[in-house]
Amino acid sequence: MGPPFTNGGRAGWPYLECETFDLRSTQSVQASRDLLRMLKDEKQINDVLDRSVFAGMNDERLKKDIKWRAQYVGQPVEFWELAKADLPWQISEGSHLNMNGPAEGLRGTKLEKATQALCRHGFFRDSHITRNPFRCFHRADGFLLTMSPAAGVDYLNLNLPYYLELSRNDLAEENFASATAQIFREFSETGTDTWYRKNTEWFLIYLITEVAATPHNIRQGYSVPSLMDAYDSIVHELVSLIPRTAAPQKKPAH
């Protein structure tokens, strides 16, 4: 239980976090990393970008909060430090979970070339698996806040190449590609009428169960290979490339 809220409700389950996976365009992932790598040390450009960090932000409380958090973890309030938070993590880049600030140590995303064995499979040749934290804060009075930089494809079907090229805003409207878009579509018309229990906890469990199981190929009847099928094929291919050593010859008996 968290501390009581001043302006509404008693504290409920104040914090929940899981890690989700989605698919993004390999080219887009690499371009984002290349852009950061090339420009983050260009002082003339960075001076302009740093001055624009709070451009258009009129909420003084939010500015103060950002500055406090930056000071708390020993990071400057700079454009690229904020931009890195939206870069997807690679499978091999540690864990988002239980990041406890300075006690845990800061582990920013690495910027080397993004390569994955998944691209060896024909259907997934332009796809890249990324990892995202999915954080939820909720109260017993029905208030729920979710935060995640997830912006990729969750549901696999024949239109995957098309979905991979969509912008974040356009993808958020595609319920056959995005889990959050599908959840919004399900409840936007009926509200809580179809909820088993009409409380935040029930919806939170529904939400986490849906996003934590993606990406998968279930919604359209297994019309395309699953990630497990793809990696199974890749492993068989790689095993077949391993040179086989000849069995040792037995010495003739004298």
C-alpha atoms as a PDB file:
ATOM      1  CA  MET A   1       0.000   0.000   0.000  1.00  0.00           C
ATOM      2  CA  GLY A   2       1.251   3.458  -0.844  1.00  0.00           C
ATOM      3  CA  PRO A   3       0.710   6.700   1.061  1.00  0.00           C
ATOM      4  CA  PRO A   4      -2.793   8.243   0.928  1.00  0.00           C
ATOM      5  CA  PHE A   5      -3.603  10.574  -1.952  1.00  0.00           C
ATOM      6  CA  THR A   6      -4.444  14.146  -0.995  1.00  0.00           C
ATOM      7  CA  ASN A   7      -7.001  14.842  -3.706  1.00  0.00           C
ATOM      8  CA  GLY A   8      -8.882  11.627  -4.105  1.00  0.00           C
ATOM      9  CA  GLY A   9      -9.362   8.075  -2.899  1.00  0.00           C
ATOM     10  CA  ARG A  10      -7.274   5.951  -0.650  1.00  0.00           C
ATOM     11  CA  ALA A  11      -4.130   4.354  -2.022  1.00  0.00           C
ATOM     12  CA  GLY A  12      -4.605   1.147  -3.936  1.00  0.00           C
ATOM     13  CA  TRP A  13      -1.953  -1.093  -5.493  1.00  0.00           C
ATOM     14  CA  PRO A  14       0.408   1.776  -6.315  1.00  0.00           C
ATOM     15  CA  TYR A  15       2.885   0.135  -8.682  1.00  0.00           C
ATOM     16  CA  LEU A  16       3.089  -2.711 -11.162  1.00  0.00           C
ATOM     17  CA  GLU A  17       5.710  -3.330 -13.801  1.00  0.00           C
ATOM     18  CA  CYS A  18       6.313  -5.918 -16.466  1.00  0.00           C
ATOM     19  CA  GLU A  19       8.420  -6.088 -19.583  1.00  0.00           C
ATOM     20  CA  THR A  20       6.845  -6.474 -23.011  1.00  0.00           C
ATOM     21  CA  PHE A  21       8.147  -7.348 -26.463  1.00  0.00           C
ATOM     22  CA  ASP A  22       7.090  -6.025 -29.846  1.00  0.00           C
ATOM     23  CA  LEU A  23       8.334  -6.014 -33.426  1.00  0.00           C
ATOM     24  CA  ARG A  24       9.700  -2.940 -35.159  1.00  0.00           C
ATOM     25  CA  SER A  25      11.347  -2.193 -38.457  1.00  0.00           C
ATOM     26  CA  THR A  26      15.031  -3.119 -38.358  1.00  0.00           C
ATOM     27  CA  GLN A  27      15.814  -0.097 -40.496  1.00  0.00           C
ATOM     28  CA  SER A  28      13.943   2.226 -38.134  1.00  0.00           C
ATOM     29  CA  VAL A  29      15.692   0.847 -35.040  1.00  0.00           C
ATOM     30  CA  GLN A  30      19.111   1.161 -36.631  1.00  0.00           C
ATOM     31  CA  ALA A  31      18.408   4.648 -38.004  1.00  0.00           C
ATOM     32  CA  SER A  32      17.429   5.903 -34.542  1.00  0.00           C
ATOM     33  CA  ARG A  33      20.644   4.570 -33.041  1.00  0.00           C
ATOM     34  CA  ASP A  34      22.780   5.891 -35.879  1.00  0.00           C
ATOM     35  CA  LEU A  35      21.243   9.343 -35.528  1.00  0.00           C
ATOM     36  CA  LEU A  36      21.992   9.450 -31.815  1.00  0.00           C
ATOM     37  CA  ARG A  37      25.514   8.150 -32.336  1.00  0.00           C
ATOM     38  CA  MET A  38      26.328  10.771 -34.990  1.00  0.00           C
ATOM     39  CA  LEU A  39      24.755  13.846 -33.400  1.00  0.00           C
ATOM     40  CA  LYS A  40      25.130  13.416 -29.644  1.00  0.00           C
ATOM     41  CA  ASP A  41      28.667  14.909 -29.678  1.00  0.00           C
ATOM     42  CA  GLU A  42      27.931  17.785 -32.082  1.00  0.00           C
ATOM     43  CA  LYS A  43      28.048  20.739 -29.686  1.00  0.00           C
ATOM     44  CA  GLN A  44      26.599  23.314 -32.085  1.00  0.00           C
ATOM     45  CA  ILE A  45      23.538  21.165 -32.740  1.00  0.00           C
ATOM     46  CA  ASN A  46      23.171  20.042 -29.148  1.00  0.00           C
ATOM     47  CA  ASP A  47      23.182  23.582 -27.780  1.00  0.00           C
ATOM     48  CA  VAL A  48      20.113  24.353 -29.898  1.00  0.00           C
ATOM     49  CA  LEU A  49      18.395  21.097 -28.972  1.00  0.00           C
ATOM     50  CA  ASP A  50      19.108  21.490 -25.255  1.00  0.00           C
ATOM     51  CA  ARG A  51      17.550  24.959 -25.227  1.00  0.00           C
ATOM     52  CA  SER A  52      14.378  23.472 -26.712  1.00  0.00           C
ATOM     53  CA  VAL A  53      13.930  20.716 -24.111  1.00  0.00           C
ATOM     54  CA  PHE A  54      11.081  22.581 -22.387  1.00  0.00           C
ATOM     55  CA  ALA A  55       9.775  24.373 -25.485  1.00  0.00           C
ATOM     56  CA  GLY A  56       5.989  24.398 -25.465  1.00  0.00           C
ATOM     57  CA  MET A  57       5.831  22.968 -21.937  1.00  0.00           C
ATOM     58  CA  ASN A  58       3.791  25.320 -19.756  1.00  0.00           C
ATOM     59  CA  ASP A  59       3.473  23.070 -16.721  1.00  0.00           C
ATOM     60  CA  GLU A  60       5.975  24.400 -14.195  1.00  0.00           C
ATOM     61  CA  ARG A  61       5.354  21.490 -11.851  1.00  0.00           C
ATOM     62  CA  LEU A  62       6.326  19.024 -14.582  1.00  0.00           C
ATOM     63  CA  LYS A  63       9.500  20.965 -15.358  1.00  0.00           C
ATOM     64  CA  LYS A  64      10.419  20.956 -11.692  1.00  0.00           C
ATOM     65  CA  ASP A  65       9.755  17.218 -11.482  1.00  0.00           C
ATOM     66  CA  ILE A  66      11.974  16.466 -14.498  1.00  0.00           C
ATOM     67  CA  LYS A  67      14.816  18.538 -13.077  1.00  0.00           C
ATOM     68  CA  TRP A  68      14.489  16.873  -9.683  1.00  0.00           C
ATOM     69  CA  ARG A  69      14.540  13.386 -11.177  1.00  0.00           C
ATOM     70  CA  ALA A  70      17.541  14.226 -13.359  1.00  0.00           C
ATOM     71  CA  GLN A  71      19.426  15.487 -10.309  1.00  0.00           C
ATOM     72  CA  TYR A  72      18.382  12.409  -8.320  1.00  0.00           C
ATOM     73  CA  VAL A  73      20.004  10.021 -10.822  1.00  0.00           C
ATOM     74  CA  GLY A  74      22.914  12.336 -11.625  1.00  0.00           C
ATOM     75  CA  GLN A  75      21.953  13.062 -15.223  1.00  0.00           C
ATOM     76  CA  PRO A  76      21.777  16.423 -17.019  1.00  0.00           C
ATOM     77  CA  VAL A  77      18.487  17.659 -18.470  1.00  0.00           C
ATOM     78  CA  GLU A  78      19.651  17.441 -22.077  1.00  0.00           C
ATOM     79  CA  PHE A  79      17.858  16.593 -25.285  1.00  0.00           C
ATOM     80  CA  TRP A  80      19.679  13.334 -26.006  1.00  0.00           C
ATOM     81  CA  GLU A  81      19.426  12.100 -22.415  1.00  0.00           C
ATOM     82  CA  LEU A  82      15.651  12.439 -22.685  1.00  0.00           C
ATOM     83  CA  ALA A  83      15.571  10.994 -26.214  1.00  0.00           C
ATOM     84  CA  LYS A  84      17.438   7.847 -25.169  1.00  0.00           C
ATOM     85  CA  ALA A  85      14.572   6.939 -22.867  1.00  0.00           C
ATOM     86  CA  ASP A  86      12.403   6.300 -25.939  1.00  0.00           C
ATOM     87  CA  LEU A  87      14.941   4.113 -27.717  1.00  0.00           C
ATOM     88  CA  PRO A  88      13.897   0.443 -27.546  1.00  0.00           C
ATOM     89  CA  TRP A  89      16.160  -1.917 -25.661  1.00  0.00           C
ATOM     90  CA  GLN A  90      17.775  -4.923 -27.293  1.00  0.00           C
ATOM     91  CA  ILE A  91      17.232  -8.474 -26.066  1.00  0.00           C
ATOM     92  CA  SER A  92      20.803  -8.571 -24.717  1.00  0.00           C
ATOM     93  CA  GLU A  93      20.792  -5.197 -22.910  1.00  0.00           C
ATOM     94  CA  GLY A  94      20.120  -6.148 -19.311  1.00  0.00           C
ATOM     95  CA  SER A  95      16.666  -5.725 -17.790  1.00  0.00           C
ATOM     96  CA  HIS A  96      14.270  -2.819 -17.408  1.00  0.00           C
ATOM     97  CA  LEU A  97      12.761  -4.396 -14.322  1.00  0.00           C
ATOM     98  CA  ASN A  98      13.565  -3.199 -10.809  1.00  0.00           C
ATOM     99  CA  MET A  99      15.613  -0.207 -11.946  1.00  0.00           C
ATOM    100  CA  ASN A 100      16.171   1.415  -8.560  1.00  0.00           C
ATOM    101  CA  GLY A 101      17.998   4.565  -9.628  1.00  0.00           C
ATOM    102  CA  PRO A 102      21.574   5.083  -8.402  1.00  0.00           C
ATOM    103  CA  ALA A 103      21.446   1.971  -6.212  1.00  0.00           C
ATOM    104  CA  GLU A 104      20.879  -0.161  -9.286  1.00  0.00           C
ATOM    105  CA  GLY A 105      23.147   1.760 -11.626  1.00  0.00           C
ATOM    106  CA  LEU A 106      22.215   3.475 -14.860  1.00  0.00           C
ATOM    107  CA  ARG A 107      22.264   1.240 -17.906  1.00  0.00           C
ATOM    108  CA  GLY A 108      21.456   3.189 -21.044  1.00  0.00           C
ATOM    109  CA  THR A 109      20.835   1.470 -24.346  1.00  0.00           C
ATOM    110  CA  LYS A 110      23.972   0.540 -26.236  1.00  0.00           C
ATOM    111  CA  LEU A 111      24.448   2.021 -29.673  1.00  0.00           C
ATOM    112  CA  GLU A 112      26.284  -0.667 -31.598  1.00  0.00           C
ATOM    113  CA  LYS A 113      24.823  -2.152 -34.776  1.00  0.00           C
ATOM    114  CA  ALA A 114      21.474  -3.793 -34.094  1.00  0.00           C
ATOM    115  CA  THR A 115      21.504  -7.326 -35.499  1.00  0.00           C
ATOM    116  CA  GLN A 116      19.334 -10.329 -34.673  1.00  0.00           C
ATOM    117  CA  ALA A 117      19.174 -13.896 -35.931  1.00  0.00           C
ATOM    118  CA  LEU A 118      15.441 -13.397 -36.547  1.00  0.00           C
ATOM    119  CA  CYS A 119      16.164 -11.606 -39.841  1.00  0.00           C
ATOM    120  CA  ARG A 120      17.421 -14.935 -41.267  1.00  0.00           C
ATOM    121  CA  HIS A 121      13.788 -16.059 -41.493  1.00  0.00           C
ATOM    122  CA  GLY A 122      12.046 -14.981 -44.698  1.00  0.00           C
ATOM    123  CA  PHE A 123       8.867 -13.680 -43.082  1.00  0.00           C
ATOM    124  CA  PHE A 124      10.730 -11.701 -40.399  1.00  0.00           C
ATOM    125  CA  ARG A 125      13.624 -10.447 -42.540  1.00  0.00           C
ATOM    126  CA  ASP A 126      12.748  -6.773 -41.870  1.00  0.00           C
ATOM    127  CA  SER A 127      11.664  -7.288 -38.251  1.00  0.00           C
ATOM    128  CA  HIS A 128      13.448  -6.531 -35.015  1.00  0.00           C
ATOM    129  CA  ILE A 129      12.373  -7.676 -31.525  1.00  0.00           C
ATOM    130  CA  THR A 130      12.504  -4.864 -28.977  1.00  0.00           C
ATOM    131  CA  ARG A 131      11.852  -4.765 -25.242  1.00  0.00           C
ATOM    132  CA  ASN A 132       9.833  -2.176 -23.392  1.00  0.00           C
ATOM    133  CA  PRO A 133       8.917  -1.531 -19.758  1.00  0.00           C
ATOM    134  CA  PHE A 134       5.178  -1.363 -19.102  1.00  0.00           C
ATOM    135  CA  ARG A 135       4.441   0.421 -15.834  1.00  0.00           C
ATOM    136  CA  CYS A 136       1.069   0.828 -14.135  1.00  0.00           C
ATOM    137  CA  PHE A 137       0.025   2.966 -11.190  1.00  0.00           C
ATOM    138  CA  HIS A 138      -3.517   2.557  -9.870  1.00  0.00           C
ATOM    139  CA  ARG A 139      -5.709   3.440  -6.928  1.00  0.00           C
ATOM    140  CA  ALA A 140      -8.719   1.927  -5.248  1.00  0.00           C
ATOM    141  CA  ASP A 141     -10.901   4.845  -6.406  1.00  0.00           C
ATOM    142  CA  GLY A 142     -10.576   3.774 -10.049  1.00  0.00           C
ATOM    143  CA  PHE A 143      -7.657   5.908 -11.194  1.00  0.00           C
ATOM    144  CA  LEU A 144      -5.219   4.101 -13.508  1.00  0.00           C
ATOM    145  CA  LEU A 145      -2.081   5.479 -15.164  1.00  0.00           C
ATOM    146  CA  THR A 146       0.012   3.412 -17.563  1.00  0.00           C
ATOM    147  CA  MET A 147       3.350   4.390 -19.082  1.00  0.00           C
ATOM    148  CA  SER A 148       5.393   2.624 -21.739  1.00  0.00           C
ATOM    149  CA  PRO A 149       7.519   3.584 -24.759  1.00  0.00           C
ATOM    150  CA  ALA A 150       6.172   0.522 -26.610  1.00  0.00           C
ATOM    151  CA  ALA A 151       5.427   1.470 -30.215  1.00  0.00           C
ATOM    152  CA  GLY A 152       5.716  -1.712 -32.251  1.00  0.00           C
ATOM    153  CA  VAL A 153       3.616  -4.519 -33.739  1.00  0.00           C
ATOM    154  CA  ASP A 154       2.022  -6.927 -31.252  1.00  0.00           C
ATOM    155  CA  TYR A 155      -0.144  -9.178 -33.445  1.00  0.00           C
ATOM    156  CA  LEU A 156       1.425 -11.145 -36.300  1.00  0.00           C
ATOM    157  CA  ASN A 157      -0.399 -11.566 -39.615  1.00  0.00           C
ATOM    158  CA  LEU A 158       0.249 -11.272 -43.350  1.00  0.00           C
ATOM    159  CA  ASN A 159       0.263  -7.463 -43.149  1.00  0.00           C
ATOM    160  CA  LEU A 160       3.334  -7.345 -40.906  1.00  0.00           C
ATOM    161  CA  PRO A 161       5.559  -5.606 -43.526  1.00  0.00           C
ATOM    162  CA  TYR A 162       2.919  -2.883 -43.893  1.00  0.00           C
ATOM    163  CA  TYR A 163       2.490  -2.410 -40.145  1.00  0.00           C
ATOM    164  CA  LEU A 164       6.247  -2.168 -39.597  1.00  0.00           C
ATOM    165  CA  GLU A 165       6.370   0.941 -41.790  1.00  0.00           C
ATOM    166  CA  LEU A 166       3.546   2.795 -40.033  1.00  0.00           C
ATOM    167  CA  SER A 167       4.218   5.762 -37.793  1.00  0.00           C
ATOM    168  CA  ARG A 168       3.586   5.440 -34.062  1.00  0.00           C
ATOM    169  CA  ASN A 169       0.345   7.415 -34.301  1.00  0.00           C
ATOM    170  CA  ASP A 170      -0.991   5.410 -37.254  1.00  0.00           C
ATOM    171  CA  LEU A 171      -0.088   2.099 -35.615  1.00  0.00           C
ATOM    172  CA  ALA A 172      -2.014   3.112 -32.494  1.00  0.00           C
ATOM    173  CA  GLU A 173      -5.186   3.057 -34.639  1.00  0.00           C
ATOM    174  CA  GLU A 174      -4.607  -0.454 -36.027  1.00  0.00           C
ATOM    175  CA  ASN A 175      -6.323  -2.942 -33.733  1.00  0.00           C
ATOM    176  CA  PHE A 176      -5.104  -5.886 -35.842  1.00  0.00           C
ATOM    177  CA  ALA A 177      -1.515  -4.869 -35.087  1.00  0.00           C
ATOM    178  CA  SER A 178      -1.493  -3.094 -31.715  1.00  0.00           C
ATOM    179  CA  ALA A 179      -2.626  -4.664 -28.433  1.00  0.00           C
ATOM    180  CA  THR A 180      -3.449  -1.314 -26.846  1.00  0.00           C
ATOM    181  CA  ALA A 181      -5.481  -0.318 -29.915  1.00  0.00           C
ATOM    182  CA  GLN A 182      -7.431  -3.571 -29.645  1.00  0.00           C
ATOM    183  CA  ILE A 183      -8.121  -3.082 -25.943  1.00  0.00           C
ATOM    184  CA  PHE A 184      -9.297   0.484 -26.554  1.00  0.00           C
ATOM    185  CA  ARG A 185     -11.583  -0.708 -29.350  1.00  0.00           C
ATOM    186  CA  GLU A 186     -13.111  -3.442 -27.187  1.00  0.00           C
ATOM    187  CA  PHE A 187     -14.090  -1.102 -24.390  1.00  0.00           C
ATOM    188  CA  SER A 188     -14.643   2.235 -26.152  1.00  0.00           C
ATOM    189  CA  GLU A 189     -18.246   1.400 -27.038  1.00  0.00           C
ATOM    190  CA  THR A 190     -19.374  -0.852 -24.206  1.00  0.00           C
ATOM    191  CA  GLY A 191     -17.480   0.760 -21.343  1.00  0.00           C
ATOM    192  CA  THR A 192     -17.517  -1.502 -18.299  1.00  0.00           C
ATOM    193  CA  ASP A 193     -20.654  -3.445 -19.314  1.00  0.00           C
ATOM    194  CA  THR A 194     -18.637  -6.529 -20.310  1.00  0.00           C
ATOM    195  CA  TRP A 195     -16.200  -6.419 -17.394  1.00  0.00           C
ATOM    196  CA  TYR A 196     -16.312  -9.439 -15.112  1.00  0.00           C
ATOM    197  CA  ARG A 197     -15.680  -7.117 -12.163  1.00  0.00           C
ATOM    198  CA  LYS A 198     -16.153  -3.399 -12.562  1.00  0.00           C
ATOM    199  CA  ASN A 199     -12.978  -2.261 -10.827  1.00  0.00           C
ATOM    200  CA  THR A 200      -9.503  -1.114 -11.723  1.00  0.00           C
ATOM    201  CA  GLU A 201      -7.860  -4.316 -10.545  1.00  0.00           C
ATOM    202  CA  TRP A 202      -9.844  -6.470 -12.982  1.00  0.00           C
ATOM    203  CA  PHE A 203      -9.021  -4.187 -15.925  1.00  0.00           C
ATOM    204  CA  LEU A 204      -5.366  -4.031 -14.897  1.00  0.00           C
ATOM    205  CA  ILE A 205      -5.072  -7.818 -14.900  1.00  0.00           C
ATOM    206  CA  TYR A 206      -6.818  -7.943 -18.296  1.00  0.00           C
ATOM    207  CA  LEU A 207      -4.462  -5.302 -19.679  1.00  0.00           C
ATOM    208  CA  ILE A 208      -1.262  -6.913 -18.399  1.00  0.00           C
ATOM    209  CA  THR A 209      -2.362 -10.375 -19.530  1.00  0.00           C
ATOM    210  CA  GLU A 210      -2.912  -9.056 -23.060  1.00  0.00           C
ATOM    211  CA  VAL A 211       0.280  -7.039 -23.517  1.00  0.00           C
ATOM    212  CA  ALA A 212       2.574  -9.516 -21.741  1.00  0.00           C
ATOM    213  CA  ALA A 213       1.705 -12.344 -24.153  1.00  0.00           C
ATOM    214  CA  THR A 214       2.630 -10.471 -27.331  1.00  0.00           C
ATOM    215  CA  PRO A 215       3.874 -10.662 -30.008  1.00  0.00           C
ATOM    216  CA  HIS A 216       1.877 -13.694 -31.118  1.00  0.00           C
ATOM    217  CA  ASN A 217       0.014 -15.020 -34.161  1.00  0.00           C
ATOM    218  CA  ILE A 218      -3.150 -16.193 -32.390  1.00  0.00           C
ATOM    219  CA  ARG A 219      -5.651 -13.445 -33.289  1.00  0.00           C
ATOM    220  CA  GLN A 220      -5.842 -14.333 -36.996  1.00  0.00           C
ATOM    221  CA  GLY A 221      -5.683 -18.074 -36.625  1.00  0.00           C
ATOM    222  CA  TYR A 222      -1.980 -18.808 -36.946  1.00  0.00           C
ATOM    223  CA  SER A 223      -1.919 -17.478 -40.506  1.00  0.00           C
ATOM    224  CA  VAL A 224       1.827 -16.758 -40.282  1.00  0.00           C
ATOM    225  CA  PRO A 225       4.757 -18.361 -38.444  1.00  0.00           C
ATOM    226  CA  SER A 226       5.137 -17.637 -34.763  1.00  0.00           C
ATOM    227  CA  LEU A 227       8.411 -16.392 -33.325  1.00  0.00           C
ATOM    228  CA  MET A 228       8.988 -19.878 -31.893  1.00  0.00           C
ATOM    229  CA  ASP A 229       8.531 -21.424 -35.350  1.00  0.00           C
ATOM    230  CA  ALA A 230      10.900 -18.868 -36.859  1.00  0.00           C
ATOM    231  CA  TYR A 231      13.654 -19.463 -34.311  1.00  0.00           C
ATOM    232  CA  ASP A 232      13.186 -23.228 -34.606  1.00  0.00           C
ATOM    233  CA  SER A 233      13.856 -22.985 -38.344  1.00  0.00           C
ATOM    234  CA  ILE A 234      16.847 -20.704 -37.783  1.00  0.00           C
ATOM    235  CA  VAL A 235      18.393 -23.060 -35.206  1.00  0.00           C
ATOM    236  CA  HIS A 236      18.035 -26.012 -37.576  1.00  0.00           C
ATOM    237  CA  GLU A 237      19.667 -23.963 -40.326  1.00  0.00           C
ATOM    238  CA  LEU A 238      22.578 -22.943 -38.107  1.00  0.00           C
ATOM    239  CA  VAL A 239      23.094 -26.492 -36.858  1.00  0.00           C
ATOM    240  CA  SER A 240      23.277 -27.725 -40.435  1.00  0.00           C
ATOM    241  CA  LEU A 241      26.102 -25.257 -41.111  1.00  0.00           C
ATOM    242  CA  ILE A 242      28.293 -26.605 -38.318  1.00  0.00           C
ATOM    243  CA  PRO A 243      31.092 -28.663 -39.884  1.00  0.00           C
ATOM    244  CA  ARG A 244      30.955 -32.241 -38.761  1.00  0.00           C
ATOM    245  CA  THR A 245      34.236 -33.853 -37.751  1.00  0.00           C
ATOM    246  CA  ALA A 246      34.916 -37.322 -38.963  1.00  0.00           C
ATOM    247  CA  ALA A 247      34.716 -40.097 -36.395  1.00  0.00           C
ATOM    248  CA  PRO A 248      38.155 -41.217 -35.171  1.00  0.00           C
ATOM    249  CA  GLN A 249      39.477 -44.242 -37.025  1.00  0.00           C
ATOM    250  CA  LYS A 250      40.109 -47.342 -35.007  1.00  0.00           C
ATOM    251  CA  LYS A 251      43.650 -48.643 -35.064  1.00  0.00           C
ATOM    252  CA  PRO A 252      43.991 -52.002 -36.784  1.00  0.00           C
ATOM    253  CA  ALA A 253      44.567 -54.890 -34.365  1.00  0.00           C
ATOM    254  CA  HIS A 254      48.022 -56.544 -34.537  1.00  0.00           C
END
